[in-house]
Amino acid sequence: MSDNDGQFLPEDEQKRMALRMILEVWEDALAQGVAAEMVASSAIFAALTDMIESYGEETVAEMVAEWPHRIREGEFTLSDDAQF
């Protein structure tokens, strides 16, 4: 059974939906007085612990080792016209 036979949305739609939902909760936390840095570090912590649980420490360590290059290349920089 593939991920796309009725049980799941297409991967690109799942990504858009997940990011949109996370950003909504993020904005809610900011509105309630949580500092952006705390939201960000908590989100990264939650993401990494989930990834480690799924893929293991070594695989995730290798993945994040690529982050400096990807960050410098603008992969994580949202444009003003980004739509979620």
PDB file of N, CA and C in Angstrom:
ATOM      1  N   MET A   1       0.852  -1.182   0.000  1.00  0.00           N
ATOM      2  CA  MET A   1       0.000   0.000   0.000  1.00  0.00           C
ATOM      3  C   MET A   1       0.889   1.234   0.000  1.00  0.00           C
ATOM      4  N   SER A   2       0.664   2.173  -0.901  1.00  0.00           N
ATOM      5  CA  SER A   2       1.452   3.399  -0.937  1.00  0.00           C
ATOM      6  C   SER A   2       0.813   4.448  -0.044  1.00  0.00           C
ATOM      7  N   ASP A   3       1.584   5.513   0.227  1.00  0.00           N
ATOM      8  CA  ASP A   3       1.089   6.591   1.068  1.00  0.00           C
ATOM      9  C   ASP A   3      -0.030   7.387   0.419  1.00  0.00           C
ATOM     10  N   ASN A   4      -0.288   7.137  -0.855  1.00  0.00           N
ATOM     11  CA  ASN A   4      -1.205   8.008  -1.559  1.00  0.00           C
ATOM     12  C   ASN A   4      -2.452   7.293  -2.059  1.00  0.00           C
ATOM     13  N   ASP A   5      -2.861   6.167  -1.434  1.00  0.00           N
ATOM     14  CA  ASP A   5      -4.058   5.515  -1.923  1.00  0.00           C
ATOM     15  C   ASP A   5      -5.263   5.810  -1.027  1.00  0.00           C
ATOM     16  N   GLY A   6      -5.511   7.105  -0.820  1.00  0.00           N
ATOM     17  CA  GLY A   6      -6.706   7.507  -0.123  1.00  0.00           C
ATOM     18  C   GLY A   6      -6.499   7.862   1.330  1.00  0.00           C
ATOM     19  N   GLN A   7      -5.465   7.354   1.954  1.00  0.00           N
ATOM     20  CA  GLN A   7      -5.262   7.629   3.373  1.00  0.00           C
ATOM     21  C   GLN A   7      -4.554   8.956   3.612  1.00  0.00           C
ATOM     22  N   PHE A   8      -3.707   9.379   2.701  1.00  0.00           N
ATOM     23  CA  PHE A   8      -2.902  10.571   2.908  1.00  0.00           C
ATOM     24  C   PHE A   8      -3.050  11.536   1.746  1.00  0.00           C
ATOM     25  N   LEU A   9      -2.898  12.810   2.069  1.00  0.00           N
ATOM     26  CA  LEU A   9      -2.831  13.841   1.034  1.00  0.00           C
ATOM     27  C   LEU A   9      -1.505  13.700   0.301  1.00  0.00           C
ATOM     28  N   PRO A  10      -1.393  14.272  -0.886  1.00  0.00           N
ATOM     29  CA  PRO A  10      -0.092  14.277  -1.562  1.00  0.00           C
ATOM     30  C   PRO A  10       0.957  14.955  -0.674  1.00  0.00           C
ATOM     31  N   GLU A  11       2.201  14.536  -0.813  1.00  0.00           N
ATOM     32  CA  GLU A  11       3.268  15.016   0.066  1.00  0.00           C
ATOM     33  C   GLU A  11       3.396  16.539   0.072  1.00  0.00           C
ATOM     34  N   ASP A  12       3.330  17.181  -1.097  1.00  0.00           N
ATOM     35  CA  ASP A  12       3.475  18.638  -1.133  1.00  0.00           C
ATOM     36  C   ASP A  12       2.335  19.328  -0.387  1.00  0.00           C
ATOM     37  N   GLU A  13       1.136  18.781  -0.470  1.00  0.00           N
ATOM     38  CA  GLU A  13       0.001  19.347   0.267  1.00  0.00           C
ATOM     39  C   GLU A  13       0.164  19.110   1.772  1.00  0.00           C
ATOM     40  N   GLN A  14       0.660  17.945   2.166  1.00  0.00           N
ATOM     41  CA  GLN A  14       0.923  17.684   3.579  1.00  0.00           C
ATOM     42  C   GLN A  14       1.931  18.689   4.134  1.00  0.00           C
ATOM     43  N   LYS A  15       2.987  18.960   3.376  1.00  0.00           N
ATOM     44  CA  LYS A  15       4.005  19.914   3.822  1.00  0.00           C
ATOM     45  C   LYS A  15       3.411  21.300   3.990  1.00  0.00           C
ATOM     46  N   ARG A  16       2.627  21.753   3.003  1.00  0.00           N
ATOM     47  CA  ARG A  16       2.010  23.079   3.096  1.00  0.00           C
ATOM     48  C   ARG A  16       1.071  23.155   4.297  1.00  0.00           C
ATOM     49  N   MET A  17       0.260  22.133   4.468  1.00  0.00           N
ATOM     50  CA  MET A  17      -0.697  22.126   5.567  1.00  0.00           C
ATOM     51  C   MET A  17       0.022  22.104   6.922  1.00  0.00           C
ATOM     52  N   ALA A  18       1.022  21.264   7.045  1.00  0.00           N
ATOM     53  CA  ALA A  18       1.766  21.172   8.307  1.00  0.00           C
ATOM     54  C   ALA A  18       2.426  22.502   8.644  1.00  0.00           C
ATOM     55  N   LEU A  19       3.084  23.110   7.669  1.00  0.00           N
ATOM     56  CA  LEU A  19       3.746  24.384   7.928  1.00  0.00           C
ATOM     57  C   LEU A  19       2.738  25.468   8.274  1.00  0.00           C
ATOM     58  N   ARG A  20       1.635  25.505   7.556  1.00  0.00           N
ATOM     59  CA  ARG A  20       0.590  26.498   7.844  1.00  0.00           C
ATOM     60  C   ARG A  20       0.083  26.334   9.279  1.00  0.00           C
ATOM     61  N   MET A  21      -0.150  25.103   9.702  1.00  0.00           N
ATOM     62  CA  MET A  21      -0.658  24.851  11.051  1.00  0.00           C
ATOM     63  C   MET A  21       0.373  25.234  12.111  1.00  0.00           C
ATOM     64  N   ILE A  22       1.630  24.889  11.863  1.00  0.00           N
ATOM     65  CA  ILE A  22       2.692  25.231  12.813  1.00  0.00           C
ATOM     66  C   ILE A  22       2.823  26.748  12.933  1.00  0.00           C
ATOM     67  N   LEU A  23       2.794  27.448  11.812  1.00  0.00           N
ATOM     68  CA  LEU A  23       2.912  28.905  11.852  1.00  0.00           C
ATOM     69  C   LEU A  23       1.732  29.561  12.569  1.00  0.00           C
ATOM     70  N   GLU A  24       0.547  28.987  12.460  1.00  0.00           N
ATOM     71  CA  GLU A  24      -0.608  29.517  13.187  1.00  0.00           C
ATOM     72  C   GLU A  24      -0.416  29.383  14.689  1.00  0.00           C
ATOM     73  N   VAL A  25       0.056  28.227  15.128  1.00  0.00           N
ATOM     74  CA  VAL A  25       0.307  28.005  16.556  1.00  0.00           C
ATOM     75  C   VAL A  25       1.451  28.905  17.031  1.00  0.00           C
ATOM     76  N   TRP A  26       2.465  29.057  16.179  1.00  0.00           N
ATOM     77  CA  TRP A  26       3.597  29.927  16.484  1.00  0.00           C
ATOM     78  C   TRP A  26       3.094  31.348  16.757  1.00  0.00           C
ATOM     79  N   GLU A  27       2.266  31.865  15.851  1.00  0.00           N
ATOM     80  CA  GLU A  27       1.724  33.215  16.013  1.00  0.00           C
ATOM     81  C   GLU A  27       0.881  33.322  17.285  1.00  0.00           C
ATOM     82  N   ASP A  28       0.131  32.286  17.604  1.00  0.00           N
ATOM     83  CA  ASP A  28      -0.669  32.274  18.821  1.00  0.00           C
ATOM     84  C   ASP A  28       0.227  32.351  20.054  1.00  0.00           C
ATOM     85  N   ALA A  29       1.330  31.599  20.050  1.00  0.00           N
ATOM     86  CA  ALA A  29       2.269  31.639  21.177  1.00  0.00           C
ATOM     87  C   ALA A  29       2.854  33.039  21.333  1.00  0.00           C
ATOM     88  N   LEU A  30       3.230  33.669  20.220  1.00  0.00           N
ATOM     89  CA  LEU A  30       3.763  35.033  20.280  1.00  0.00           C
ATOM     90  C   LEU A  30       2.720  35.992  20.844  1.00  0.00           C
ATOM     91  N   ALA A  31       1.475  35.838  20.405  1.00  0.00           N
ATOM     92  CA  ALA A  31       0.395  36.711  20.871  1.00  0.00           C
ATOM     93  C   ALA A  31       0.136  36.553  22.368  1.00  0.00           C
ATOM     94  N   GLN A  32       0.465  35.373  22.897  1.00  0.00           N
ATOM     95  CA  GLN A  32       0.260  35.127  24.324  1.00  0.00           C
ATOM     96  C   GLN A  32       1.484  35.491  25.160  1.00  0.00           C
ATOM     97  N   GLY A  33       2.506  36.052  24.517  1.00  0.00           N
ATOM     98  CA  GLY A  33       3.647  36.561  25.260  1.00  0.00           C
ATOM     99  C   GLY A  33       4.869  35.674  25.298  1.00  0.00           C
ATOM    100  N   VAL A  34       4.896  34.608  24.524  1.00  0.00           N
ATOM    101  CA  VAL A  34       6.079  33.749  24.465  1.00  0.00           C
ATOM    102  C   VAL A  34       7.072  34.387  23.501  1.00  0.00           C
ATOM    103  N   ALA A  35       8.327  34.495  23.918  1.00  0.00           N
ATOM    104  CA  ALA A  35       9.353  35.094  23.073  1.00  0.00           C
ATOM    105  C   ALA A  35       9.587  34.228  21.834  1.00  0.00           C
ATOM    106  N   ALA A  36       9.821  34.873  20.706  1.00  0.00           N
ATOM    107  CA  ALA A  36      10.038  34.164  19.443  1.00  0.00           C
ATOM    108  C   ALA A  36      11.186  33.167  19.554  1.00  0.00           C
ATOM    109  N   GLU A  37      12.245  33.528  20.279  1.00  0.00           N
ATOM    110  CA  GLU A  37      13.390  32.633  20.436  1.00  0.00           C
ATOM    111  C   GLU A  37      13.010  31.355  21.186  1.00  0.00           C
ATOM    112  N   MET A  38      12.097  31.474  22.137  1.00  0.00           N
ATOM    113  CA  MET A  38      11.640  30.300  22.889  1.00  0.00           C
ATOM    114  C   MET A  38      10.779  29.404  22.014  1.00  0.00           C
ATOM    115  N   VAL A  39       9.928  30.008  21.209  1.00  0.00           N
ATOM    116  CA  VAL A  39       9.101  29.226  20.291  1.00  0.00           C
ATOM    117  C   VAL A  39      10.004  28.502  19.299  1.00  0.00           C
ATOM    118  N   ALA A  40      10.971  29.217  18.760  1.00  0.00           N
ATOM    119  CA  ALA A  40      11.868  28.635  17.767  1.00  0.00           C
ATOM    120  C   ALA A  40      12.677  27.483  18.349  1.00  0.00           C
ATOM    121  N   SER A  41      13.286  27.682  19.501  1.00  0.00           N
ATOM    122  CA  SER A  41      14.104  26.611  20.071  1.00  0.00           C
ATOM    123  C   SER A  41      13.250  25.420  20.478  1.00  0.00           C
ATOM    124  N   SER A  42      12.040  25.674  20.948  1.00  0.00           N
ATOM    125  CA  SER A  42      11.143  24.570  21.299  1.00  0.00           C
ATOM    126  C   SER A  42      10.706  23.796  20.065  1.00  0.00           C
ATOM    127  N   ALA A  43      10.446  24.504  18.970  1.00  0.00           N
ATOM    128  CA  ALA A  43      10.051  23.844  17.732  1.00  0.00           C
ATOM    129  C   ALA A  43      11.191  22.990  17.180  1.00  0.00           C
ATOM    130  N   ILE A  44      12.407  23.524  17.214  1.00  0.00           N
ATOM    131  CA  ILE A  44      13.560  22.757  16.748  1.00  0.00           C
ATOM    132  C   ILE A  44      13.767  21.531  17.624  1.00  0.00           C
ATOM    133  N   PHE A  45      13.665  21.700  18.943  1.00  0.00           N
ATOM    134  CA  PHE A  45      13.813  20.572  19.863  1.00  0.00           C
ATOM    135  C   PHE A  45      12.777  19.495  19.569  1.00  0.00           C
ATOM    136  N   ALA A  46      11.517  19.908  19.414  1.00  0.00           N
ATOM    137  CA  ALA A  46      10.445  18.943  19.141  1.00  0.00           C
ATOM    138  C   ALA A  46      10.693  18.212  17.825  1.00  0.00           C
ATOM    139  N   ALA A  47      11.098  18.955  16.808  1.00  0.00           N
ATOM    140  CA  ALA A  47      11.354  18.346  15.500  1.00  0.00           C
ATOM    141  C   ALA A  47      12.509  17.350  15.571  1.00  0.00           C
ATOM    142  N   LEU A  48      13.588  17.752  16.217  1.00  0.00           N
ATOM    143  CA  LEU A  48      14.751  16.862  16.287  1.00  0.00           C
ATOM    144  C   LEU A  48      14.464  15.607  17.103  1.00  0.00           C
ATOM    145  N   THR A  49      13.760  15.745  18.225  1.00  0.00           N
ATOM    146  CA  THR A  49      13.467  14.549  19.019  1.00  0.00           C
ATOM    147  C   THR A  49      12.575  13.586  18.239  1.00  0.00           C
ATOM    148  N   ASP A  50      11.631  14.120  17.483  1.00  0.00           N
ATOM    149  CA  ASP A  50      10.768  13.265  16.670  1.00  0.00           C
ATOM    150  C   ASP A  50      11.567  12.584  15.560  1.00  0.00           C
ATOM    151  N   MET A  51      12.425  13.342  14.899  1.00  0.00           N
ATOM    152  CA  MET A  51      13.255  12.774  13.825  1.00  0.00           C
ATOM    153  C   MET A  51      14.190  11.695  14.376  1.00  0.00           C
ATOM    154  N   ILE A  52      14.789  11.948  15.530  1.00  0.00           N
ATOM    155  CA  ILE A  52      15.687  10.963  16.135  1.00  0.00           C
ATOM    156  C   ILE A  52      14.936   9.694  16.489  1.00  0.00           C
ATOM    157  N   GLU A  53      13.730   9.857  17.004  1.00  0.00           N
ATOM    158  CA  GLU A  53      12.912   8.683  17.330  1.00  0.00           C
ATOM    159  C   GLU A  53      12.622   7.851  16.083  1.00  0.00           C
ATOM    160  N   SER A  54      12.413   8.528  14.954  1.00  0.00           N
ATOM    161  CA  SER A  54      12.081   7.837  13.709  1.00  0.00           C
ATOM    162  C   SER A  54      13.302   7.289  12.978  1.00  0.00           C
ATOM    163  N   TYR A  55      14.394   8.058  12.950  1.00  0.00           N
ATOM    164  CA  TYR A  55      15.521   7.710  12.089  1.00  0.00           C
ATOM    165  C   TYR A  55      16.828   7.410  12.815  1.00  0.00           C
ATOM    166  N   GLY A  56      16.901   7.740  14.094  1.00  0.00           N
ATOM    167  CA  GLY A  56      18.113   7.488  14.864  1.00  0.00           C
ATOM    168  C   GLY A  56      19.036   8.692  14.908  1.00  0.00           C
ATOM    169  N   GLU A  57      19.878   8.697  15.920  1.00  0.00           N
ATOM    170  CA  GLU A  57      20.753   9.843  16.165  1.00  0.00           C
ATOM    171  C   GLU A  57      21.745  10.086  15.035  1.00  0.00           C
ATOM    172  N   GLU A  58      22.382   9.045  14.536  1.00  0.00           N
ATOM    173  CA  GLU A  58      23.412   9.233  13.517  1.00  0.00           C
ATOM    174  C   GLU A  58      22.832   9.811  12.221  1.00  0.00           C
ATOM    175  N   THR A  59      21.701   9.295  11.792  1.00  0.00           N
ATOM    176  CA  THR A  59      21.074   9.790  10.565  1.00  0.00           C
ATOM    177  C   THR A  59      20.695  11.261  10.704  1.00  0.00           C
ATOM    178  N   VAL A  60      20.121  11.620  11.839  1.00  0.00           N
ATOM    179  CA  VAL A  60      19.720  13.010  12.060  1.00  0.00           C
ATOM    180  C   VAL A  60      20.949  13.905  12.185  1.00  0.00           C
ATOM    181  N   ALA A  61      21.995  13.425  12.851  1.00  0.00           N
ATOM    182  CA  ALA A  61      23.235  14.200  12.957  1.00  0.00           C
ATOM    183  C   ALA A  61      23.814  14.483  11.579  1.00  0.00           C
ATOM    184  N   GLU A  62      23.784  13.502  10.699  1.00  0.00           N
ATOM    185  CA  GLU A  62      24.267  13.705   9.333  1.00  0.00           C
ATOM    186  C   GLU A  62      23.397  14.713   8.592  1.00  0.00           C
ATOM    187  N   MET A  63      22.095  14.647   8.813  1.00  0.00           N
ATOM    188  CA  MET A  63      21.185  15.574   8.158  1.00  0.00           C
ATOM    189  C   MET A  63      21.463  17.011   8.599  1.00  0.00           C
ATOM    190  N   VAL A  64      21.576  17.238   9.899  1.00  0.00           N
ATOM    191  CA  VAL A  64      21.768  18.609  10.378  1.00  0.00           C
ATOM    192  C   VAL A  64      23.172  19.126  10.083  1.00  0.00           C
ATOM    193  N   ALA A  65      24.111  18.240   9.811  1.00  0.00           N
ATOM    194  CA  ALA A  65      25.459  18.674   9.430  1.00  0.00           C
ATOM    195  C   ALA A  65      25.428  19.443   8.117  1.00  0.00           C
ATOM    196  N   GLU A  66      24.401  19.218   7.306  1.00  0.00           N
ATOM    197  CA  GLU A  66      24.247  19.915   6.028  1.00  0.00           C
ATOM    198  C   GLU A  66      23.560  21.268   6.183  1.00  0.00           C
ATOM    199  N   TRP A  67      23.022  21.563   7.352  1.00  0.00           N
ATOM    200  CA  TRP A  67      22.245  22.782   7.533  1.00  0.00           C
ATOM    201  C   TRP A  67      23.019  24.069   7.278  1.00  0.00           C
ATOM    202  N   PRO A  68      24.261  24.228   7.733  1.00  0.00           N
ATOM    203  CA  PRO A  68      24.931  25.519   7.471  1.00  0.00           C
ATOM    204  C   PRO A  68      24.938  25.891   5.991  1.00  0.00           C
ATOM    205  N   HIS A  69      25.272  24.957   5.134  1.00  0.00           N
ATOM    206  CA  HIS A  69      25.287  25.228   3.695  1.00  0.00           C
ATOM    207  C   HIS A  69      23.880  25.572   3.197  1.00  0.00           C
ATOM    208  N   ARG A  70      22.901  24.789   3.608  1.00  0.00           N
ATOM    209  CA  ARG A  70      21.529  25.011   3.151  1.00  0.00           C
ATOM    210  C   ARG A  70      20.997  26.352   3.647  1.00  0.00           C
ATOM    211  N   ILE A  71      21.345  26.741   4.868  1.00  0.00           N
ATOM    212  CA  ILE A  71      20.922  28.030   5.415  1.00  0.00           C
ATOM    213  C   ILE A  71      21.552  29.158   4.613  1.00  0.00           C
ATOM    214  N   ARG A  72      22.857  29.042   4.373  1.00  0.00           N
ATOM    215  CA  ARG A  72      23.564  30.083   3.612  1.00  0.00           C
ATOM    216  C   ARG A  72      23.050  30.198   2.178  1.00  0.00           C
ATOM    217  N   GLU A  73      22.548  29.110   1.631  1.00  0.00           N
ATOM    218  CA  GLU A  73      21.999  29.121   0.272  1.00  0.00           C
ATOM    219  C   GLU A  73      20.562  29.656   0.230  1.00  0.00           C
ATOM    220  N   GLY A  74      19.989  29.975   1.384  1.00  0.00           N
ATOM    221  CA  GLY A  74      18.659  30.577   1.437  1.00  0.00           C
ATOM    222  C   GLY A  74      17.500  29.606   1.458  1.00  0.00           C
ATOM    223  N   GLU A  75      17.784  28.323   1.647  1.00  0.00           N
ATOM    224  CA  GLU A  75      16.710  27.321   1.608  1.00  0.00           C
ATOM    225  C   GLU A  75      15.649  27.547   2.683  1.00  0.00           C
ATOM    226  N   PHE A  76      16.037  28.128   3.806  1.00  0.00           N
ATOM    227  CA  PHE A  76      15.102  28.317   4.914  1.00  0.00           C
ATOM    228  C   PHE A  76      14.635  29.770   5.035  1.00  0.00           C
ATOM    229  N   THR A  77      14.954  30.589   4.056  1.00  0.00           N
ATOM    230  CA  THR A  77      14.542  31.983   4.070  1.00  0.00           C
ATOM    231  C   THR A  77      13.223  32.098   3.312  1.00  0.00           C
ATOM    232  N   LEU A  78      12.201  32.555   4.026  1.00  0.00           N
ATOM    233  CA  LEU A  78      10.889  32.708   3.406  1.00  0.00           C
ATOM    234  C   LEU A  78      10.822  34.027   2.664  1.00  0.00           C
ATOM    235  N   SER A  79      10.318  33.981   1.473  1.00  0.00           N
ATOM    236  CA  SER A  79      10.108  35.216   0.722  1.00  0.00           C
ATOM    237  C   SER A  79       8.845  35.890   1.244  1.00  0.00           C
ATOM    238  N   ASP A  80       8.747  37.167   0.988  1.00  0.00           N
ATOM    239  CA  ASP A  80       7.567  37.927   1.448  1.00  0.00           C
ATOM    240  C   ASP A  80       6.280  37.438   0.818  1.00  0.00           C
ATOM    241  N   ASP A  81       6.385  36.812  -0.349  1.00  0.00           N
ATOM    242  CA  ASP A  81       5.182  36.350  -1.052  1.00  0.00           C
ATOM    243  C   ASP A  81       4.908  34.863  -0.877  1.00  0.00           C
ATOM    244  N   ALA A  82       5.594  34.233   0.101  1.00  0.00           N
ATOM    245  CA  ALA A  82       5.382  32.795   0.340  1.00  0.00           C
ATOM    246  C   ALA A  82       3.935  32.560   0.753  1.00  0.00           C
ATOM    247  N   GLN A  83       3.343  31.505   0.205  1.00  0.00           N
ATOM    248  CA  GLN A  83       1.952  31.162   0.488  1.00  0.00           C
ATOM    249  C   GLN A  83       1.890  29.809   1.175  1.00  0.00           C
ATOM    250  N   PHE A  84       1.151  29.747   2.283  1.00  0.00           N
ATOM    251  CA  PHE A  84       1.004  28.482   2.993  1.00  0.00           C
ATOM    252  C   PHE A  84      -0.432  28.189   3.116  1.00  0.00           C
TER     253      PHE A  84
END
